[in-house]
Protein backbone atom coordinates (compact mmCIF):
# COMPACT_ATOMS: atom_id res chain seq x y z
CA MET A 1 -1.88 -11.48 18.35
CA PRO A 2 -0.80 -11.96 15.29
CA LYS A 3 -3.00 -13.31 12.33
CA ASN A 4 -2.59 -15.83 9.75
CA VAL A 5 -3.09 -15.50 6.36
CA GLN A 6 -3.13 -18.04 2.86
CA ILE A 7 -3.17 -17.48 -0.19
CA ARG A 8 -4.67 -20.31 -2.99
CA ASP A 9 -4.41 -20.32 -6.65
CA LEU A 10 -1.13 -17.91 -6.99
CA ASP A 11 -0.35 -18.30 -10.37
CA ASP A 12 3.85 -20.19 -10.92
CA GLU A 13 5.28 -16.95 -12.54
CA THR A 14 3.47 -14.34 -10.09
CA TYR A 15 4.68 -17.18 -7.15
CA ALA A 16 9.07 -17.40 -8.91
CA VAL A 17 8.68 -13.66 -8.75
CA LEU A 18 7.81 -13.11 -5.53
CA ARG A 19 10.17 -15.58 -3.75
CA ARG A 20 12.93 -14.11 -6.03
CA ARG A 21 12.26 -10.12 -5.24
CA ALA A 22 12.45 -12.01 -1.85
CA ALA A 23 15.49 -13.40 -1.54
CA ASP A 24 17.55 -10.97 -3.28
CA GLU A 25 16.74 -8.90 -0.17
CA ASP A 26 17.65 -11.32 2.00
CA LEU A 27 14.44 -12.41 3.48
CA SER A 28 12.15 -15.52 3.00
CA LEU A 29 9.65 -14.99 0.96
CA THR A 30 6.87 -15.04 4.11
CA GLN A 31 8.88 -11.58 6.07
CA TYR A 32 8.77 -10.54 2.93
CA LEU A 33 4.98 -11.00 2.62
CA ARG A 34 5.38 -9.76 5.95
CA ARG A 35 7.23 -6.24 5.33
CA GLU A 36 5.16 -5.80 1.80
CA LEU A 37 1.56 -5.89 3.48
CA SER A 38 2.66 -3.56 5.69
CA LYS A 39 3.92 -0.74 3.37
CA TRP A 40 0.57 -1.28 1.44
CA ALA A 41 -1.88 -1.12 4.20
CA SER A 42 -0.34 2.06 5.70
CA GLN A 43 -0.69 3.54 2.14
CA PRO A 44 -4.52 4.91 2.10
CA THR A 45 -6.88 4.86 -0.82
CA MET A 46 -8.41 7.45 -3.63
CA GLU A 47 -11.59 6.56 -1.91
CA GLU A 48 -9.85 7.17 1.92
CA LEU A 49 -8.18 10.05 0.83
CA LEU A 50 -10.43 11.62 -0.77
CA ALA A 51 -12.92 10.83 2.27
CA GLU A 52 -10.98 13.20 4.99
CA SER A 53 -9.94 15.90 2.39
CA ASP A 54 -14.37 15.98 2.27
CA ARG A 55 -14.16 16.45 6.24
CA TRP A 56 -11.39 18.99 6.03
CA ARG A 57 -13.33 20.96 3.64
CA ASP A 58 -16.48 20.40 5.78
CA ARG A 59 -14.92 21.21 8.80
CA GLY A 60 -13.39 24.89 7.02
CA GLY A 61 -10.12 24.00 6.97
CA GLY A 62 -9.69 22.49 3.09
CA VAL A 63 -7.44 20.82 1.33
CA SER A 64 -5.91 22.82 -1.87
CA ARG A 65 -6.52 21.45 -4.98
CA GLU A 66 -2.54 21.37 -5.64
CA ALA A 67 -1.58 19.68 -1.88
CA LEU A 68 -4.13 17.13 -2.79
CA ASP A 69 -2.78 16.61 -6.02
CA ALA A 70 0.91 16.61 -4.67
CA ALA A 71 -0.81 13.98 -1.47
CA ILE A 72 -1.91 11.70 -5.09
CA ASP A 73 1.96 11.30 -6.05
CA GLU A 74 3.15 11.31 -3.31
CA MET A 75 1.00 7.97 -2.97
CA ARG A 76 1.42 6.71 -6.81
CA ALA A 77 4.90 6.75 -5.94
CA THR A 78 4.91 4.85 -3.12
CA ARG A 79 3.57 1.60 -4.97
CA PRO A 80 4.22 -1.03 -7.29
């Protein structure tokens, strides 16, 4: 079942930027925020990436430093 989120005390400037970005994409603010929050939630945090790396290492697979750096760079590139 869908859940609702309410954000209190959002400053006027932040609200205006979000409204403008939504309008620029012909979306309602709700549609825009739903999409952006879904994208944000689908991206692993740094802690989650490091924990996954530890699990791989513990199983004997491991992740090379280069692969981990590339994953971190990719994650950073997709975040606002």
